[in-house]
All heavy atoms as atom14 arrays in JSON, in Angstrom:
{
  "sequence": "ANTVASSVEKVRLLYPKPGYVEIDPDELWQA",
  "atom14_mask": [
    [1, 1, 1, 1, 1, 0, 0, 0, 0, 0, 0, 0, 0, 0],
    [1, 1, 1, 1, 1, 1, 1, 1, 0, 0, 0, 0, 0, 0],
    [1, 1, 1, 1, 1, 1, 1, 0, 0, 0, 0, 0, 0, 0],
    [1, 1, 1, 1, 1, 1, 1, 0, 0, 0, 0, 0, 0, 0],
    [1, 1, 1, 1, 1, 0, 0, 0, 0, 0, 0, 0, 0, 0],
    [1, 1, 1, 1, 1, 1, 0, 0, 0, 0, 0, 0, 0, 0],
    [1, 1, 1, 1, 1, 1, 0, 0, 0, 0, 0, 0, 0, 0],
    [1, 1, 1, 1, 1, 1, 1, 0, 0, 0, 0, 0, 0, 0],
    [1, 1, 1, 1, 1, 1, 1, 1, 1, 0, 0, 0, 0, 0],
    [1, 1, 1, 1, 1, 1, 1, 1, 1, 0, 0, 0, 0, 0],
    [1, 1, 1, 1, 1, 1, 1, 0, 0, 0, 0, 0, 0, 0],
    [1, 1, 1, 1, 1, 1, 1, 1, 1, 1, 1, 0, 0, 0],
    [1, 1, 1, 1, 1, 1, 1, 1, 0, 0, 0, 0, 0, 0],
    [1, 1, 1, 1, 1, 1, 1, 1, 0, 0, 0, 0, 0, 0],
    [1, 1, 1, 1, 1, 1, 1, 1, 1, 1, 1, 1, 0, 0],
    [1, 1, 1, 1, 1, 1, 1, 0, 0, 0, 0, 0, 0, 0],
    [1, 1, 1, 1, 1, 1, 1, 1, 1, 0, 0, 0, 0, 0],
    [1, 1, 1, 1, 1, 1, 1, 0, 0, 0, 0, 0, 0, 0],
    [1, 1, 1, 1, 0, 0, 0, 0, 0, 0, 0, 0, 0, 0],
    [1, 1, 1, 1, 1, 1, 1, 1, 1, 1, 1, 1, 0, 0],
    [1, 1, 1, 1, 1, 1, 1, 0, 0, 0, 0, 0, 0, 0],
    [1, 1, 1, 1, 1, 1, 1, 1, 1, 0, 0, 0, 0, 0],
    [1, 1, 1, 1, 1, 1, 1, 1, 0, 0, 0, 0, 0, 0],
    [1, 1, 1, 1, 1, 1, 1, 1, 0, 0, 0, 0, 0, 0],
    [1, 1, 1, 1, 1, 1, 1, 0, 0, 0, 0, 0, 0, 0],
    [1, 1, 1, 1, 1, 1, 1, 1, 0, 0, 0, 0, 0, 0],
    [1, 1, 1, 1, 1, 1, 1, 1, 1, 0, 0, 0, 0, 0],
    [1, 1, 1, 1, 1, 1, 1, 1, 0, 0, 0, 0, 0, 0],
    [1, 1, 1, 1, 1, 1, 1, 1, 1, 1, 1, 1, 1, 1],
    [1, 1, 1, 1, 1, 1, 1, 1, 1, 0, 0, 0, 0, 0],
    [1, 1, 1, 1, 1, 0, 0, 0, 0, 0, 0, 0, 0, 0]
  ],
  "atom14_positions": [
    [[22.9, -8.76, -9.77], [21.68, -7.94, -9.78], [20.48, -8.68, -10.34], [19.55, -8.07, -10.87], [21.91, -6.62, -10.53], [0.0, 0.0, 0.0], [0.0, 0.0, 0.0], [0.0, 0.0, 0.0], [0.0, 0.0, 0.0], [0.0, 0.0, 0.0], [0.0, 0.0, 0.0], [0.0, 0.0, 0.0], [0.0, 0.0, 0.0], [0.0, 0.0, 0.0]],
    [[20.5, -10.01, -10.22], [19.34, -10.82, -10.59], [18.44, -10.99, -9.37], [18.94, -11.26, -8.26], [19.76, -12.2, -11.09], [20.54, -12.12, -12.39], [20.18, -11.39, -13.3], [21.63, -12.88, -12.46], [0.0, 0.0, 0.0], [0.0, 0.0, 0.0], [0.0, 0.0, 0.0], [0.0, 0.0, 0.0], [0.0, 0.0, 0.0], [0.0, 0.0, 0.0]],
    [[17.15, -10.86, -9.56], [16.21, -11.08, -8.47], [16.08, -12.58, -8.21], [15.69, -13.34, -9.11], [14.84, -10.48, -8.79], [14.96, -9.05, -8.88], [13.81, -10.84, -7.72], [0.0, 0.0, 0.0], [0.0, 0.0, 0.0], [0.0, 0.0, 0.0], [0.0, 0.0, 0.0], [0.0, 0.0, 0.0], [0.0, 0.0, 0.0], [0.0, 0.0, 0.0]],
    [[16.42, -13.01, -6.99], [16.31, -14.42, -6.65], [14.98, -14.73, -5.96], [14.54, -15.88, -5.92], [17.49, -14.88, -5.77], [18.81, -14.74, -6.52], [17.55, -14.11, -4.45], [0.0, 0.0, 0.0], [0.0, 0.0, 0.0], [0.0, 0.0, 0.0], [0.0, 0.0, 0.0], [0.0, 0.0, 0.0], [0.0, 0.0, 0.0], [0.0, 0.0, 0.0]],
    [[14.36, -13.69, -5.41], [13.04, -13.86, -4.78], [12.41, -12.49, -4.62], [13.12, -11.48, -4.45], [13.16, -14.54, -3.41], [0.0, 0.0, 0.0], [0.0, 0.0, 0.0], [0.0, 0.0, 0.0], [0.0, 0.0, 0.0], [0.0, 0.0, 0.0], [0.0, 0.0, 0.0], [0.0, 0.0, 0.0], [0.0, 0.0, 0.0], [0.0, 0.0, 0.0]],
    [[11.09, -12.44, -4.66], [10.39, -11.16, -4.48], [8.97, -11.41, -4.01], [8.42, -12.5, -4.21], [10.39, -10.35, -5.78], [9.62, -11.0, -6.77], [0.0, 0.0, 0.0], [0.0, 0.0, 0.0], [0.0, 0.0, 0.0], [0.0, 0.0, 0.0], [0.0, 0.0, 0.0], [0.0, 0.0, 0.0], [0.0, 0.0, 0.0], [0.0, 0.0, 0.0]],
    [[8.41, -10.4, -3.4], [7.0, -10.43, -3.0], [6.39, -9.06, -3.25], [7.1, -8.05, -3.26], [6.85, -10.79, -1.51], [7.24, -12.11, -1.26], [0.0, 0.0, 0.0], [0.0, 0.0, 0.0], [0.0, 0.0, 0.0], [0.0, 0.0, 0.0], [0.0, 0.0, 0.0], [0.0, 0.0, 0.0], [0.0, 0.0, 0.0], [0.0, 0.0, 0.0]],
    [[5.09, -9.06, -3.44], [4.39, -7.8, -3.68], [3.04, -7.83, -2.97], [2.41, -8.89, -2.87], [4.21, -7.56, -5.2], [3.42, -8.68, -5.84], [3.54, -6.21, -5.46], [0.0, 0.0, 0.0], [0.0, 0.0, 0.0], [0.0, 0.0, 0.0], [0.0, 0.0, 0.0], [0.0, 0.0, 0.0], [0.0, 0.0, 0.0], [0.0, 0.0, 0.0]],
    [[2.63, -6.7, -2.44], [1.28, -6.55, -1.87], [0.68, -5.25, -2.38], [1.39, -4.25, -2.54], [1.31, -6.54, -0.33], [1.41, -7.92, 0.28], [0.79, -7.99, 1.68], [0.05, -7.05, 2.06], [1.05, -8.99, 2.38], [0.0, 0.0, 0.0], [0.0, 0.0, 0.0], [0.0, 0.0, 0.0], [0.0, 0.0, 0.0], [0.0, 0.0, 0.0]],
    [[-0.61, -5.27, -2.62], [-1.31, -4.06, -3.05], [-1.42, -3.08, -1.87], [-1.59, -3.49, -0.72], [-2.72, -4.42, -3.53], [-2.76, -5.07, -4.9], [-2.96, -4.0, -5.97], [-3.22, -4.64, -7.33], [-3.38, -3.61, -8.37], [0.0, 0.0, 0.0], [0.0, 0.0, 0.0], [0.0, 0.0, 0.0], [0.0, 0.0, 0.0], [0.0, 0.0, 0.0]],
    [[-1.33, -1.81, -2.2], [-1.6, -0.76, -1.22], [-3.07, -0.37, -1.36], [-3.54, -0.08, -2.48], [-0.7, 0.47, -1.47], [-1.1, 1.62, -0.55], [0.77, 0.12, -1.26], [0.0, 0.0, 0.0], [0.0, 0.0, 0.0], [0.0, 0.0, 0.0], [0.0, 0.0, 0.0], [0.0, 0.0, 0.0], [0.0, 0.0, 0.0], [0.0, 0.0, 0.0]],
    [[-3.77, -0.37, -0.25], [-5.2, -0.01, -0.3], [-5.32, 1.5, -0.14], [-4.98, 2.06, 0.9], [-5.97, -0.74, 0.8], [-7.49, -0.55, 0.7], [-8.23, -1.49, 1.63], [-8.08, -1.12, 3.02], [-9.02, -0.48, 3.73], [-10.17, -0.17, 3.18], [-8.8, -0.19, 5.01], [0.0, 0.0, 0.0], [0.0, 0.0, 0.0], [0.0, 0.0, 0.0]],
    [[-5.79, 2.16, -1.19], [-6.03, 3.59, -1.13], [-7.44, 3.84, -0.57], [-8.4, 3.15, -0.94], [-5.89, 4.23, -2.51], [-4.49, 4.17, -3.14], [-4.51, 4.74, -4.55], [-3.49, 4.94, -2.29], [0.0, 0.0, 0.0], [0.0, 0.0, 0.0], [0.0, 0.0, 0.0], [0.0, 0.0, 0.0], [0.0, 0.0, 0.0], [0.0, 0.0, 0.0]],
    [[-7.55, 4.82, 0.31], [-8.81, 5.16, 0.95], [-9.33, 6.48, 0.38], [-8.56, 7.42, 0.17], [-8.63, 5.28, 2.47], [-7.97, 4.08, 3.16], [-7.69, 4.39, 4.63], [-8.85, 2.84, 3.05], [0.0, 0.0, 0.0], [0.0, 0.0, 0.0], [0.0, 0.0, 0.0], [0.0, 0.0, 0.0], [0.0, 0.0, 0.0], [0.0, 0.0, 0.0]],
    [[-10.64, 6.55, 0.17], [-11.26, 7.76, -0.38], [-12.41, 8.19, 0.54], [-13.59, 8.07, 0.18], [-11.78, 7.49, -1.79], [-10.73, 6.97, -2.74], [-10.52, 5.6, -2.91], [-9.95, 7.85, -3.5], [-9.55, 5.12, -3.79], [-8.99, 7.38, -4.37], [-8.79, 6.01, -4.51], [-7.83, 5.53, -5.38], [0.0, 0.0, 0.0], [0.0, 0.0, 0.0]],
    [[-12.1, 8.71, 1.74], [-13.15, 9.01, 2.71], [-14.08, 10.13, 2.28], [-15.24, 10.17, 2.69], [-12.36, 9.41, 3.96], [-11.01, 9.82, 3.46], [-10.75, 8.98, 2.26], [0.0, 0.0, 0.0], [0.0, 0.0, 0.0], [0.0, 0.0, 0.0], [0.0, 0.0, 0.0], [0.0, 0.0, 0.0], [0.0, 0.0, 0.0], [0.0, 0.0, 0.0]],
    [[-13.59, 11.06, 1.46], [-14.41, 12.16, 0.95], [-13.94, 12.48, -0.47], [-12.83, 12.11, -0.85], [-14.25, 13.42, 1.81], [-14.79, 13.31, 3.23], [-14.6, 14.63, 3.97], [-15.1, 14.54, 5.41], [-14.89, 15.83, 6.13], [0.0, 0.0, 0.0], [0.0, 0.0, 0.0], [0.0, 0.0, 0.0], [0.0, 0.0, 0.0], [0.0, 0.0, 0.0]],
    [[-14.77, 13.15, -1.26], [-14.31, 13.56, -2.6], [-13.02, 14.38, -2.53], [-12.93, 15.34, -1.75], [-15.48, 14.41, -3.12], [-16.67, 13.9, -2.39], [-16.18, 13.53, -1.02], [0.0, 0.0, 0.0], [0.0, 0.0, 0.0], [0.0, 0.0, 0.0], [0.0, 0.0, 0.0], [0.0, 0.0, 0.0], [0.0, 0.0, 0.0], [0.0, 0.0, 0.0]],
    [[-12.02, 13.97, -3.31], [-10.74, 14.69, -3.31], [-9.74, 14.16, -2.3], [-8.56, 14.5, -2.36], [0.0, 0.0, 0.0], [0.0, 0.0, 0.0], [0.0, 0.0, 0.0], [0.0, 0.0, 0.0], [0.0, 0.0, 0.0], [0.0, 0.0, 0.0], [0.0, 0.0, 0.0], [0.0, 0.0, 0.0], [0.0, 0.0, 0.0], [0.0, 0.0, 0.0]],
    [[-10.2, 13.35, -1.33], [-9.31, 12.8, -0.31], [-8.76, 11.46, -0.82], [-9.53, 10.6, -1.24], [-10.06, 12.54, 1.0], [-10.41, 13.77, 1.81], [-10.88, 14.93, 1.19], [-10.3, 13.77, 3.2], [-11.22, 16.05, 1.94], [-10.64, 14.89, 3.94], [-11.11, 16.01, 3.31], [-11.44, 17.13, 4.05], [0.0, 0.0, 0.0], [0.0, 0.0, 0.0]],
    [[-7.44, 11.28, -0.74], [-6.81, 10.01, -1.08], [-5.8, 9.68, 0.01], [-4.79, 10.37, 0.16], [-6.11, 10.05, -2.46], [-5.64, 8.66, -2.85], [-7.01, 10.64, -3.54], [0.0, 0.0, 0.0], [0.0, 0.0, 0.0], [0.0, 0.0, 0.0], [0.0, 0.0, 0.0], [0.0, 0.0, 0.0], [0.0, 0.0, 0.0], [0.0, 0.0, 0.0]],
    [[-6.08, 8.63, 0.79], [-5.29, 8.34, 1.99], [-4.78, 6.9, 1.98], [-5.26, 6.05, 1.24], [-6.15, 8.57, 3.25], [-6.69, 9.98, 3.4], [-7.54, 10.15, 4.66], [-7.86, 9.13, 5.32], [-7.89, 11.3, 4.96], [0.0, 0.0, 0.0], [0.0, 0.0, 0.0], [0.0, 0.0, 0.0], [0.0, 0.0, 0.0], [0.0, 0.0, 0.0]],
    [[-3.82, 6.66, 2.87], [-3.32, 5.31, 3.15], [-3.25, 5.15, 4.66], [-2.73, 6.04, 5.35], [-1.92, 5.07, 2.54], [-1.95, 5.21, 1.02], [-1.39, 3.69, 2.94], [-0.56, 5.19, 0.38], [0.0, 0.0, 0.0], [0.0, 0.0, 0.0], [0.0, 0.0, 0.0], [0.0, 0.0, 0.0], [0.0, 0.0, 0.0], [0.0, 0.0, 0.0]],
    [[-3.75, 4.05, 5.16], [-3.68, 3.77, 6.6], [-2.25, 3.37, 6.95], [-1.74, 2.37, 6.42], [-4.64, 2.62, 6.95], [-4.71, 2.31, 8.44], [-3.64, 2.32, 9.1], [-5.81, 2.05, 8.94], [0.0, 0.0, 0.0], [0.0, 0.0, 0.0], [0.0, 0.0, 0.0], [0.0, 0.0, 0.0], [0.0, 0.0, 0.0], [0.0, 0.0, 0.0]],
    [[-1.55, 4.11, 7.83], [-0.16, 3.78, 8.16], [0.02, 2.38, 8.74], [1.02, 1.71, 8.45], [0.24, 4.86, 9.18], [-0.68, 6.0, 8.9], [-1.98, 5.36, 8.49], [0.0, 0.0, 0.0], [0.0, 0.0, 0.0], [0.0, 0.0, 0.0], [0.0, 0.0, 0.0], [0.0, 0.0, 0.0], [0.0, 0.0, 0.0], [0.0, 0.0, 0.0]],
    [[-0.93, 1.94, 9.56], [-0.83, 0.61, 10.15], [-0.93, -0.48, 9.08], [-0.19, -1.48, 9.12], [-1.92, 0.41, 11.22], [-1.7, 1.31, 12.42], [-0.54, 1.65, 12.72], [-2.71, 1.69, 13.06], [0.0, 0.0, 0.0], [0.0, 0.0, 0.0], [0.0, 0.0, 0.0], [0.0, 0.0, 0.0], [0.0, 0.0, 0.0], [0.0, 0.0, 0.0]],
    [[-1.84, -0.29, 8.13], [-1.95, -1.25, 7.03], [-0.69, -1.25, 6.17], [-0.23, -2.31, 5.72], [-3.17, -0.9, 6.15], [-4.5, -1.3, 6.74], [-5.63, -1.12, 5.74], [-5.35, -0.96, 4.53], [-6.8, -1.14, 6.16], [0.0, 0.0, 0.0], [0.0, 0.0, 0.0], [0.0, 0.0, 0.0], [0.0, 0.0, 0.0], [0.0, 0.0, 0.0]],
    [[-0.15, -0.06, 5.93], [1.06, 0.03, 5.11], [2.22, -0.66, 5.8], [2.99, -1.4, 5.16], [1.4, 1.5, 4.82], [2.57, 1.74, 3.87], [2.29, 1.14, 2.5], [2.87, 3.23, 3.75], [0.0, 0.0, 0.0], [0.0, 0.0, 0.0], [0.0, 0.0, 0.0], [0.0, 0.0, 0.0], [0.0, 0.0, 0.0], [0.0, 0.0, 0.0]],
    [[2.37, -0.44, 7.09], [3.44, -1.09, 7.84], [3.29, -2.6, 7.79], [4.27, -3.34, 7.6], [3.45, -0.6, 9.29], [4.38, -1.35, 10.2], [4.06, -2.15, 11.24], [5.83, -1.37, 10.13], [5.18, -2.67, 11.84], [6.28, -2.2, 11.18], [6.75, -0.77, 9.29], [7.63, -2.46, 11.4], [8.1, -1.01, 9.52], [8.54, -1.85, 10.56]],
    [[2.06, -3.1, 7.94], [1.84, -4.54, 7.9], [2.18, -5.1, 6.52], [2.75, -6.2, 6.41], [0.39, -4.87, 8.26], [0.14, -6.35, 8.54], [1.04, -6.91, 9.63], [1.09, -6.38, 10.74], [1.8, -7.97, 9.32], [0.0, 0.0, 0.0], [0.0, 0.0, 0.0], [0.0, 0.0, 0.0], [0.0, 0.0, 0.0], [0.0, 0.0, 0.0]],
    [[1.86, -4.36, 5.48], [2.19, -4.8, 4.12], [3.7, -4.87, 3.94], [4.22, -5.81, 3.31], [1.57, -3.86, 3.09], [0.0, 0.0, 0.0], [0.0, 0.0, 0.0], [0.0, 0.0, 0.0], [0.0, 0.0, 0.0], [0.0, 0.0, 0.0], [0.0, 0.0, 0.0], [0.0, 0.0, 0.0], [0.0, 0.0, 0.0], [0.0, 0.0, 0.0]]
  ]
}
């Protein structure tokens, strides 16, 4: 259970309107 390799990418949160918090599915899939 030792990590031999790992990668991380930030998820870009979108705020198109006040109170709205979204994620683009295509961007998430690519990440």
